[in-house]
C-alpha atoms as a PDB file:
ATOM      1  CA  MET A   1     -81.463-119.927  -9.997  1.00  0.00           C
ATOM      2  CA  PRO A   2     -79.817-122.064 -11.962  1.00  0.00           C
ATOM      3  CA  SER A   3     -81.319-122.318 -15.596  1.00  0.00           C
ATOM      4  CA  ARG A   4     -83.300-125.163 -16.843  1.00  0.00           C
ATOM      5  CA  ASP A   5     -82.483-126.207 -20.253  1.00  0.00           C
ATOM      6  CA  ILE A   6     -85.426-127.332 -22.793  1.00  0.00           C
ATOM      7  CA  ASN A   7     -85.499-130.298 -25.215  1.00  0.00           C
ATOM      8  CA  VAL A   8     -88.041-129.255 -28.214  1.00  0.00           C
ATOM      9  CA  ILE A   9     -89.525-131.705 -30.320  1.00  0.00           C
ATOM     10  CA  ALA A  10     -91.855-131.059 -33.189  1.00  0.00           C
ATOM     11  CA  LEU A  11     -94.243-132.606 -36.144  1.00  0.00           C
ATOM     12  CA  VAL A  12     -95.924-130.359 -39.045  1.00  0.00           C
ATOM     13  CA  LYS A  13     -98.673-132.443 -40.062  1.00  0.00           C
ATOM     14  CA  GLY A  14    -101.183-130.463 -43.022  1.00  0.00           C
ATOM     15  CA  GLY A  15    -101.785-127.543 -41.127  1.00  0.00           C
ATOM     16  CA  GLU A  16    -101.769-128.516 -37.857  1.00  0.00           C
ATOM     17  CA  ARG A  17     -98.309-128.486 -35.591  1.00  0.00           C
ATOM     18  CA  TYR A  18     -97.523-129.778 -32.424  1.00  0.00           C
ATOM     19  CA  VAL A  19     -94.760-128.586 -30.316  1.00  0.00           C
ATOM     20  CA  PHE A  20     -93.460-130.410 -27.226  1.00  0.00           C
ATOM     21  CA  LEU A  21     -91.356-128.770 -24.576  1.00  0.00           C
ATOM     22  CA  TYR A  22     -89.832-130.852 -21.430  1.00  0.00           C
ATOM     23  CA  ASP A  23     -86.587-131.350 -19.454  1.00  0.00           C
ATOM     24  CA  ASP A  24     -84.281-134.218 -19.164  1.00  0.00           C
ATOM     25  CA  GLU A  25     -86.578-134.754 -15.651  1.00  0.00           C
ATOM     26  CA  SER A  26     -89.412-135.221 -17.947  1.00  0.00           C
ATOM     27  CA  ARG A  27     -88.672-137.741 -20.606  1.00  0.00           C
ATOM     28  CA  ASP A  28     -91.041-140.281 -19.065  1.00  0.00           C
ATOM     29  CA  ALA A  29     -94.163-137.801 -18.690  1.00  0.00           C
ATOM     30  CA  ALA A  30     -93.350-135.885 -22.587  1.00  0.00           C
ATOM     31  CA  VAL A  31     -93.736-140.252 -23.418  1.00  0.00           C
ATOM     32  CA  ARG A  32     -97.241-140.296 -21.710  1.00  0.00           C
ATOM     33  CA  VAL A  33     -98.734-137.194 -23.584  1.00  0.00           C
ATOM     34  CA  LEU A  34     -97.192-138.130 -26.924  1.00  0.00           C
ATOM     35  CA  GLY A  35     -99.152-141.346 -26.151  1.00  0.00           C
ATOM     36  CA  LYS A  36    -102.571-139.246 -24.780  1.00  0.00           C
ATOM     37  CA  TYR A  37    -102.505-137.143 -27.968  1.00  0.00           C
ATOM     38  CA  ALA A  38    -102.229-140.220 -30.115  1.00  0.00           C
ATOM     39  CA  ALA A  39    -105.470-141.625 -27.713  1.00  0.00           C
ATOM     40  CA  ASP A  40    -107.449-138.470 -29.134  1.00  0.00           C
ATOM     41  CA  PRO A  41    -109.479-138.881 -31.967  1.00  0.00           C
ATOM     42  CA  GLU A  42    -109.931-134.673 -32.085  1.00  0.00           C
ATOM     43  CA  LEU A  43    -106.459-134.549 -32.969  1.00  0.00           C
ATOM     44  CA  ASN A  44    -104.707-136.190 -36.393  1.00  0.00           C
ATOM     45  CA  PHE A  45    -102.088-137.545 -34.482  1.00  0.00           C
ATOM     46  CA  SER A  46    -101.727-141.379 -34.926  1.00  0.00           C
ATOM     47  CA  TRP A  47     -99.883-143.496 -32.738  1.00  0.00           C
ATOM     48  CA  HIS A  48     -97.253-143.730 -35.727  1.00  0.00           C
ATOM     49  CA  ASP A  49     -96.357-140.024 -34.021  1.00  0.00           C
ATOM     50  CA  ALA A  50     -96.707-140.811 -30.912  1.00  0.00           C
ATOM     51  CA  ALA A  51     -94.280-144.052 -31.889  1.00  0.00           C
ATOM     52  CA  VAL A  52     -91.582-141.854 -34.030  1.00  0.00           C
ATOM     53  CA  LEU A  53     -91.421-138.829 -31.305  1.00  0.00           C
ATOM     54  CA  GLY A  54     -91.393-141.059 -27.954  1.00  0.00           C
ATOM     55  CA  ASP A  55     -87.746-142.307 -29.491  1.00  0.00           C
ATOM     56  CA  LYS A  56     -86.548-139.035 -30.492  1.00  0.00           C
ATOM     57  CA  VAL A  57     -87.332-138.346 -27.142  1.00  0.00           C
ATOM     58  CA  ARG A  58     -85.712-141.582 -25.239  1.00  0.00           C
ATOM     59  CA  ARG A  59     -82.635-141.731 -27.703  1.00  0.00           C
ATOM     60  CA  ALA A  60     -82.150-137.760 -26.857  1.00  0.00           C
ATOM     61  CA  PRO A  61     -78.653-138.067 -24.582  1.00  0.00           C
ATOM     62  CA  ALA A  62     -78.896-136.479 -21.368  1.00  0.00           C
ATOM     63  CA  ARG A  63     -77.742-132.695 -21.240  1.00  0.00           C
ATOM     64  CA  ALA A  64     -74.990-132.999 -19.926  1.00  0.00           C
ATOM     65  CA  GLY A  65     -73.164-134.971 -23.017  1.00  0.00           C
ATOM     66  CA  ARG A  66     -74.493-131.837 -25.312  1.00  0.00           C
ATOM     67  CA  VAL A  67     -73.647-128.507 -26.683  1.00  0.00           C
ATOM     68  CA  ARG A  68     -75.227-126.147 -25.869  1.00  0.00           C
ATOM     69  CA  PHE A  69     -76.775-123.521 -28.027  1.00  0.00           C
ATOM     70  CA  VAL A  70     -75.973-119.906 -27.323  1.00  0.00           C
ATOM     71  CA  PRO A  71     -77.297-117.805 -29.202  1.00  0.00           C
ATOM     72  CA  PRO A  72     -74.734-114.302 -30.620  1.00  0.00           C
ATOM     73  CA  ALA A  73     -77.068-111.836 -28.512  1.00  0.00           C
ATOM     74  CA  ASP A  74     -76.656-113.923 -25.505  1.00  0.00           C
ATOM     75  CA  ARG A  75     -72.932-114.502 -25.496  1.00  0.00           C
ATOM     76  CA  PRO A  76     -70.395-112.580 -23.316  1.00  0.00           C
ATOM     77  CA  ALA A  77     -68.715-109.836 -24.614  1.00  0.00           C
END
């Protein structure tokens, strides 16, 4: 089974934490979710927050061009 690498972006705002996980194929969906969170008056997540995080999602290079971190415990001997 091929592994699917997961991208993570997070925002800590006051006592709230927003953590978004997405793979490279889900970038557009991740940006849409940021907009939904910004439009929700119940959340302390602004359009500015959505714009900043959305820009990070869009600018992140595709996984093929990235170096993958493998924790020492998971590295082959």
